[in-house]
Amino acid sequence: MMRFLGRRLALMPLALVIVNFLGFSYAHAAQQLHAAQNPFGSAVEAPPSILRLYGHYVRALMQGNWGTMPTVAAEPIGALLLQTGLVSLGLLLIVFVLSTLLGLVIGVAGVRNQPPRLAPWLTPFTALGLATPGFYLGTIVITLLLVLLIYGNADPELLLPLQGFGWDRHLILSTLALVVRPMAQVAQTTATLLVEELGRPYITAARGRGFRPLRVLLRHAMGNVWPPLLMTMTASLRLLTGELLLVEKLFGWPGLGRLVTTALVPPSTAMVGSMAGAASYFLYPELVAGALTAFALLFLLIDLGAALLVHRLDPRLRQAVAVPLG
C-alpha cells in the first residue's frame, strides 16, 4: 500500500506542472494568434517568449502569488480557485452519495432469485440512464421548465431556479443532471454482479441451511461484490468530475468547472451561465493555468482516494502490490 501511495504521490506534482505549463502556454499562444489575425495589430512589436513569461509566472507562484483577476476588484486568483473548488467538491459529494445509494437500491431491487436473473425492467432502465449525458439531460429539463413557464402560465416562484448558487433548491437541477448516469451505472453493475454471485455453490449451501433470501442476498452475496462494485463507483466519480465542466456552465453553478469553461470558451459562444465579465477572463493566462491546475488537482485527488479505497478493500490488489518486481 505504501509503495502504491508513494508512486501516485510522486507522479502527481509532475502532472500538475505539465498541466500548468500547457495551460499558460496555450493561453499566450492563442492570444498571439488572435492578435496576428487582427488587421490593426500587424504593426505591434513581437511579444516576449512564452518561456520568459512563464519564468516570471513561476517566480510569483513560488511566493504564493497566483495572480489577480482582470477586474476592477482585482480578486486574487488563488482565493477564487479555493472558493470554486470547494463549491464543486460539495456538489460532487452530494451527487456521488445520492447516485451510489439510489444505484444500490435499484440494483438490489432488480435481482430475482431462483433462478438468479435480472428483472425485465432493469436493462432498459439502466440503458436509458447510461445513454443520457448530464449536459443533455440538463438541457431537456431547462427546455421543459421554460415551456411550462411561457405557455403553461406557471408561477415562476413555484418553479425550480435555472441559474445561481445555493445549498437549497438551486442544487436540485444540477444534481438531477449529474446523478442519473452514475446511478444507472451502479445499478447495472450491482445487479449483474449479484446475479452471478447468487449462482455460486456457497449461496446454494446458505439457502440449504434455511437462511432467508434477503439475508443471503445482503450478507453473503453483497460481501463478495463490493471490490468490483467499488471500482464502478470510482469510475462513475471520475466521470462526474469531467461532467462538471458542462453542467456547471449550463446551470450557472459557480464552481471550478464553470471557471475553466469561462476561461477557455469564447464569450461569443458562452452560455447563459457565464460569469460576469467573461470577456476579460477569456484566455487570461494566469486564470487558464490556475483553473486547469486546480481542476487537475481535484481530479487527481479524487482518483487517488478512489484507488486507495479499492486497494484497501480488495485483497487481490494488495497482494499484487506487495509482490516485488523482477
Protein backbone atom coordinates (compact mmCIF):
# COMPACT_ATOMS: atom_id res chain seq x y z
CA MET A 1 0.00 0.00 0.00
CA MET A 2 2.76 2.46 0.93
CA ARG A 3 4.63 1.73 -2.29
CA PHE A 4 1.48 2.28 -4.32
CA LEU A 5 0.76 5.53 -2.47
CA GLY A 6 4.35 6.69 -2.92
CA ARG A 7 4.24 6.16 -6.68
CA ARG A 8 0.99 8.08 -7.01
CA LEU A 9 2.19 10.97 -4.87
CA ALA A 10 5.49 11.15 -6.76
CA LEU A 11 3.77 11.45 -10.14
CA MET A 12 1.17 13.98 -9.02
CA PRO A 13 3.45 17.08 -8.87
CA LEU A 14 4.87 16.28 -12.31
CA ALA A 15 1.37 16.01 -13.79
CA LEU A 16 0.33 19.32 -12.21
CA VAL A 17 3.43 21.11 -13.51
CA ILE A 18 2.74 19.84 -17.03
CA VAL A 19 -0.91 20.91 -16.90
CA ASN A 20 0.03 24.32 -15.54
CA PHE A 21 2.66 24.93 -18.22
CA LEU A 22 0.40 23.74 -21.04
CA GLY A 23 -2.47 25.94 -19.83
CA PHE A 24 -0.26 29.02 -19.54
CA SER A 25 1.39 28.38 -22.91
CA TYR A 26 -1.92 27.71 -24.66
CA ALA A 27 -3.45 30.95 -23.39
CA HIS A 28 -0.49 33.04 -24.54
CA ALA A 29 -0.20 31.26 -27.90
CA ALA A 30 -3.93 31.68 -28.54
CA GLN A 31 -3.74 35.37 -27.62
CA GLN A 32 -0.87 35.85 -30.07
CA LEU A 33 -2.82 34.02 -32.77
CA HIS A 34 -5.84 36.28 -32.26
CA ALA A 35 -3.58 39.34 -32.37
CA ALA A 36 -1.94 38.15 -35.61
CA GLN A 37 -5.36 37.76 -37.24
CA ASN A 38 -6.30 41.30 -36.28
CA PRO A 39 -5.57 43.61 -39.27
CA PHE A 40 -4.96 46.51 -36.89
CA GLY A 41 -2.38 44.59 -34.89
CA SER A 42 0.15 43.90 -37.63
CA ALA A 43 2.39 46.77 -36.57
CA VAL A 44 2.57 45.66 -32.94
CA GLU A 45 6.03 44.58 -31.86
CA ALA A 46 6.78 40.91 -31.34
CA PRO A 47 5.62 39.62 -27.93
CA PRO A 48 8.13 38.21 -25.43
CA SER A 49 8.77 34.49 -25.46
CA ILE A 50 6.39 32.22 -23.59
CA LEU A 51 9.25 30.65 -21.65
CA ARG A 52 10.35 34.00 -20.27
CA LEU A 53 6.79 34.93 -19.34
CA TYR A 54 6.30 31.55 -17.69
CA GLY A 55 9.50 32.07 -15.73
CA HIS A 56 8.09 35.29 -14.26
CA TYR A 57 4.84 33.47 -13.51
CA VAL A 58 6.62 30.62 -11.72
CA ARG A 59 8.65 33.04 -9.59
CA ALA A 60 5.41 34.67 -8.50
CA LEU A 61 3.93 31.24 -7.76
CA MET A 62 6.89 30.42 -5.53
CA GLN A 63 5.88 33.41 -3.42
CA GLY A 64 2.27 32.22 -3.23
CA ASN A 65 1.01 34.71 -5.80
CA TRP A 66 -1.32 33.09 -8.38
CA GLY A 67 -2.06 36.45 -9.96
CA THR A 68 -5.14 38.65 -9.84
CA MET A 69 -8.35 38.62 -11.84
CA PRO A 70 -8.59 41.14 -14.70
CA THR A 71 -11.37 43.09 -13.00
CA VAL A 72 -11.67 46.34 -11.07
CA ALA A 73 -11.76 44.43 -7.78
CA ALA A 74 -8.57 42.54 -8.76
CA GLU A 75 -9.61 39.46 -6.78
CA PRO A 76 -6.71 37.09 -6.06
CA ILE A 77 -6.87 34.06 -8.35
CA GLY A 78 -5.70 31.75 -5.55
CA ALA A 79 -8.67 32.68 -3.34
CA LEU A 80 -11.06 32.26 -6.28
CA LEU A 81 -9.66 28.81 -7.07
CA LEU A 82 -10.12 27.72 -3.46
CA GLN A 83 -13.67 29.04 -3.31
CA THR A 84 -14.80 27.50 -6.59
CA GLY A 85 -13.02 24.23 -5.80
CA LEU A 86 -14.92 23.84 -2.52
CA VAL A 87 -18.21 24.59 -4.27
CA SER A 88 -17.53 21.93 -6.92
CA LEU A 89 -16.38 19.44 -4.29
CA GLY A 90 -19.60 19.93 -2.33
CA LEU A 91 -21.72 19.30 -5.41
CA LEU A 92 -19.65 16.24 -6.31
CA LEU A 93 -20.02 14.78 -2.82
CA ILE A 94 -23.80 15.20 -2.82
CA VAL A 95 -24.20 13.68 -6.29
CA PHE A 96 -21.84 10.79 -5.55
CA VAL A 97 -23.57 9.80 -2.31
CA LEU A 98 -27.03 10.11 -3.83
CA SER A 99 -26.18 8.22 -7.03
CA THR A 100 -24.46 5.45 -5.07
CA LEU A 101 -27.35 4.93 -2.65
CA LEU A 102 -30.01 5.02 -5.37
CA GLY A 103 -27.94 2.77 -7.62
CA LEU A 104 -27.51 0.18 -4.88
CA VAL A 105 -31.22 0.18 -4.04
CA ILE A 106 -32.27 -0.10 -7.70
CA GLY A 107 -29.63 -2.77 -8.39
CA VAL A 108 -30.75 -4.95 -5.47
CA ALA A 109 -34.41 -4.45 -6.41
CA GLY A 110 -33.64 -5.54 -9.97
CA VAL A 111 -32.42 -9.03 -8.97
CA ARG A 112 -34.67 -12.08 -8.99
CA ASN A 113 -33.92 -15.32 -7.12
CA GLN A 114 -34.39 -18.98 -8.02
CA PRO A 115 -33.14 -18.90 -10.66
CA PRO A 116 -30.90 -15.83 -10.32
CA ARG A 117 -31.74 -13.37 -13.10
CA LEU A 118 -32.26 -9.70 -13.84
CA ALA A 119 -35.70 -8.14 -13.59
CA PRO A 120 -37.16 -7.38 -17.06
CA TRP A 121 -37.35 -3.64 -16.38
CA LEU A 122 -33.76 -3.20 -15.22
CA THR A 123 -31.93 -3.43 -18.56
CA PRO A 124 -33.98 -0.76 -20.43
CA PHE A 125 -33.91 1.45 -17.33
CA THR A 126 -30.13 1.37 -16.97
CA ALA A 127 -29.57 1.57 -20.73
CA LEU A 128 -31.58 4.78 -20.88
CA GLY A 129 -29.69 6.23 -17.93
CA LEU A 130 -26.28 5.34 -19.37
CA ALA A 131 -27.22 6.85 -22.73
CA THR A 132 -28.20 10.21 -21.20
CA PRO A 133 -25.25 12.54 -20.51
CA GLY A 134 -25.75 15.07 -17.75
CA PHE A 135 -25.48 18.07 -20.08
CA TYR A 136 -28.14 16.65 -22.43
CA LEU A 137 -30.49 15.84 -19.56
CA GLY A 138 -29.99 19.30 -18.09
CA THR A 139 -30.82 20.91 -21.43
CA ILE A 140 -34.05 18.90 -21.66
CA VAL A 141 -35.07 19.88 -18.12
CA ILE A 142 -34.40 23.57 -18.76
CA THR A 143 -36.39 23.43 -22.01
CA LEU A 144 -39.36 21.81 -20.28
CA LEU A 145 -39.33 24.37 -17.47
CA LEU A 146 -39.16 27.26 -19.94
CA VAL A 147 -42.06 25.82 -21.96
CA LEU A 148 -44.05 25.43 -18.74
CA LEU A 149 -43.23 28.99 -17.74
CA ILE A 150 -44.05 30.57 -21.12
CA TYR A 151 -47.00 28.51 -22.32
CA GLY A 152 -48.31 26.99 -19.10
CA ASN A 153 -48.73 30.24 -17.16
CA ALA A 154 -46.81 28.72 -14.27
CA ASP A 155 -45.84 30.84 -11.29
CA PRO A 156 -42.07 31.49 -11.51
CA GLU A 157 -41.83 31.32 -7.73
CA LEU A 158 -43.02 27.70 -7.79
CA LEU A 159 -40.52 26.57 -10.43
CA LEU A 160 -37.01 25.43 -9.64
CA PRO A 161 -34.31 28.08 -10.23
CA LEU A 162 -32.46 27.54 -13.51
CA GLN A 163 -29.37 29.53 -12.54
CA GLY A 164 -27.46 30.60 -9.47
CA PHE A 165 -25.89 29.19 -6.34
CA GLY A 166 -27.29 27.97 -3.05
CA TRP A 167 -27.31 24.82 -0.94
CA ASP A 168 -31.09 24.67 -1.27
CA ARG A 169 -33.41 24.49 -4.30
CA HIS A 170 -30.57 25.64 -6.55
CA LEU A 171 -28.99 22.21 -6.06
CA ILE A 172 -31.89 20.21 -7.46
CA LEU A 173 -31.44 20.67 -11.22
CA SER A 174 -27.65 20.36 -11.15
CA THR A 175 -27.92 17.24 -9.01
CA LEU A 176 -30.60 15.74 -11.25
CA ALA A 177 -28.49 16.32 -14.35
CA LEU A 178 -25.43 14.68 -12.80
CA VAL A 179 -26.98 11.84 -10.80
CA VAL A 180 -28.78 9.81 -13.47
CA ARG A 181 -25.83 8.35 -15.38
CA PRO A 182 -23.71 7.16 -12.39
CA MET A 183 -26.86 5.87 -10.69
CA ALA A 184 -27.66 3.72 -13.73
CA GLN A 185 -24.06 2.51 -13.90
CA VAL A 186 -24.01 1.48 -10.23
CA ALA A 187 -27.44 -0.18 -10.52
CA GLN A 188 -26.44 -2.19 -13.59
CA THR A 189 -23.15 -3.35 -12.08
CA THR A 190 -24.75 -4.22 -8.74
CA ALA A 191 -27.47 -6.33 -10.32
CA THR A 192 -25.12 -8.09 -12.75
CA LEU A 193 -22.62 -9.00 -10.02
CA LEU A 194 -25.35 -10.19 -7.67
CA VAL A 195 -26.91 -12.45 -10.31
CA GLU A 196 -23.50 -14.00 -10.95
CA GLU A 197 -22.80 -14.40 -7.24
CA LEU A 198 -26.21 -15.91 -6.43
CA GLY A 199 -25.45 -18.82 -8.75
CA ARG A 200 -22.34 -19.92 -6.82
CA PRO A 201 -22.27 -23.10 -4.68
CA TYR A 202 -21.81 -21.34 -1.34
CA ILE A 203 -25.04 -19.41 -1.93
CA THR A 204 -26.84 -22.68 -2.63
CA ALA A 205 -25.42 -24.04 0.62
CA ALA A 206 -26.61 -20.97 2.53
CA ARG A 207 -30.10 -21.41 1.14
CA GLY A 208 -29.98 -25.08 2.10
CA ARG A 209 -29.27 -24.11 5.71
CA GLY A 210 -32.55 -22.23 5.79
CA PHE A 211 -31.29 -18.65 5.62
CA ARG A 212 -33.85 -16.13 4.46
CA PRO A 213 -33.39 -14.91 0.83
CA LEU A 214 -32.82 -11.30 1.89
CA ARG A 215 -30.10 -12.35 4.34
CA VAL A 216 -28.42 -14.48 1.68
CA LEU A 217 -28.52 -11.56 -0.73
CA LEU A 218 -27.30 -8.79 1.57
CA ARG A 219 -24.99 -10.62 3.96
CA HIS A 220 -23.41 -13.31 1.79
CA ALA A 221 -23.65 -12.22 -1.85
CA MET A 222 -23.08 -8.49 -1.32
CA GLY A 223 -19.93 -9.13 0.69
CA ASN A 224 -18.17 -10.57 -2.36
CA VAL A 225 -19.29 -7.99 -4.91
CA TRP A 226 -18.02 -4.92 -3.07
CA PRO A 227 -14.50 -4.76 -4.60
CA PRO A 228 -15.62 -4.75 -8.27
CA LEU A 229 -18.59 -2.60 -7.33
CA LEU A 230 -16.26 -0.05 -5.75
CA MET A 231 -14.31 0.09 -9.00
CA THR A 232 -17.53 1.01 -10.78
CA MET A 233 -18.30 3.67 -8.18
CA THR A 234 -14.85 5.21 -8.55
CA ALA A 235 -15.18 5.17 -12.34
CA SER A 236 -18.51 6.98 -12.04
CA LEU A 237 -16.87 9.54 -9.73
CA ARG A 238 -14.18 10.25 -12.33
CA LEU A 239 -16.90 10.66 -14.96
CA LEU A 240 -18.79 13.04 -12.68
CA THR A 241 -15.69 15.19 -12.31
CA GLY A 242 -15.45 15.58 -16.08
CA GLU A 243 -19.15 16.36 -16.47
CA LEU A 244 -18.83 19.25 -14.02
CA LEU A 245 -17.35 21.34 -16.83
CA LEU A 246 -20.57 21.39 -18.83
CA VAL A 247 -23.21 21.04 -16.11
CA GLU A 248 -21.83 23.89 -14.00
CA LYS A 249 -21.72 26.06 -17.10
CA LEU A 250 -25.29 25.14 -18.01
CA PHE A 251 -26.81 25.92 -14.61
CA GLY A 252 -24.51 28.79 -13.65
CA TRP A 253 -23.14 26.87 -10.66
CA PRO A 254 -20.11 28.93 -9.51
CA GLY A 255 -17.69 26.04 -9.28
CA LEU A 256 -14.32 25.16 -10.71
CA GLY A 257 -15.83 23.60 -13.83
CA ARG A 258 -17.58 26.82 -14.81
CA LEU A 259 -14.41 28.78 -14.12
CA VAL A 260 -12.45 26.54 -16.51
CA THR A 261 -15.01 26.83 -19.30
CA THR A 262 -15.28 30.60 -18.81
CA ALA A 263 -11.52 30.89 -19.28
CA LEU A 264 -11.47 28.65 -22.37
CA VAL A 265 -14.80 29.22 -24.18
CA PRO A 266 -15.01 32.37 -26.36
CA PRO A 267 -17.51 34.90 -24.99
CA SER A 268 -19.45 34.89 -28.28
CA THR A 269 -20.40 31.25 -27.68
CA ALA A 270 -20.71 31.49 -23.90
CA MET A 271 -23.87 30.15 -22.37
CA VAL A 272 -26.38 31.76 -20.06
CA GLY A 273 -24.43 30.54 -17.05
CA SER A 274 -21.32 32.53 -17.90
CA MET A 275 -19.64 34.59 -15.23
CA ALA A 276 -19.96 38.35 -15.23
CA GLY A 277 -17.09 39.88 -17.17
CA ALA A 278 -16.45 36.66 -19.07
CA ALA A 279 -14.90 38.57 -21.98
CA SER A 280 -11.98 39.70 -19.84
CA TYR A 281 -11.49 36.19 -18.42
CA PHE A 282 -11.21 34.51 -21.81
CA LEU A 283 -7.66 33.21 -22.40
CA TYR A 284 -6.31 35.17 -19.43
CA PRO A 285 -3.05 33.21 -18.94
CA GLU A 286 -2.86 33.23 -15.13
CA LEU A 287 -6.53 32.22 -14.87
CA VAL A 288 -6.28 29.48 -17.52
CA ALA A 289 -3.17 27.99 -15.92
CA GLY A 290 -4.54 28.21 -12.38
CA ALA A 291 -8.01 26.89 -13.22
CA LEU A 292 -6.68 23.93 -15.21
CA THR A 293 -4.15 23.12 -12.48
CA ALA A 294 -6.81 23.27 -9.76
CA PHE A 295 -9.19 21.12 -11.79
CA ALA A 296 -6.42 18.59 -12.48
CA LEU A 297 -5.59 18.55 -8.75
CA LEU A 298 -9.24 17.91 -7.91
CA PHE A 299 -9.38 15.04 -10.39
CA LEU A 300 -6.09 13.52 -9.20
CA LEU A 301 -7.08 13.69 -5.53
CA ILE A 302 -10.42 12.03 -6.26
CA ASP A 303 -8.67 9.39 -8.35
CA LEU A 304 -6.09 8.78 -5.60
CA GLY A 305 -8.72 8.45 -2.89
CA ALA A 306 -10.77 6.07 -5.03
CA ALA A 307 -7.73 3.93 -5.87
CA LEU A 308 -6.68 3.73 -2.21
CA LEU A 309 -10.18 2.66 -1.19
CA VAL A 310 -10.26 -0.09 -3.81
CA HIS A 311 -6.80 -1.36 -2.80
CA ARG A 312 -7.83 -1.29 0.85
CA LEU A 313 -10.91 -3.45 0.31
CA ASP A 314 -9.63 -5.81 -2.42
CA PRO A 315 -7.06 -8.32 -1.03
CA ARG A 316 -6.05 -9.38 -4.54
CA LEU A 317 -4.81 -5.89 -5.34
CA ARG A 318 -2.98 -5.64 -2.02
CA GLN A 319 -1.16 -8.88 -2.77
CA ALA A 320 -0.28 -7.71 -6.30
CA VAL A 321 1.24 -4.50 -4.92
CA ALA A 322 3.13 -6.40 -2.23
CA VAL A 323 4.82 -8.76 -4.71
CA PRO A 324 8.27 -7.33 -5.59
CA LEU A 325 9.03 -6.80 -9.25
CA GLY A 326 11.68 -8.87 -11.03
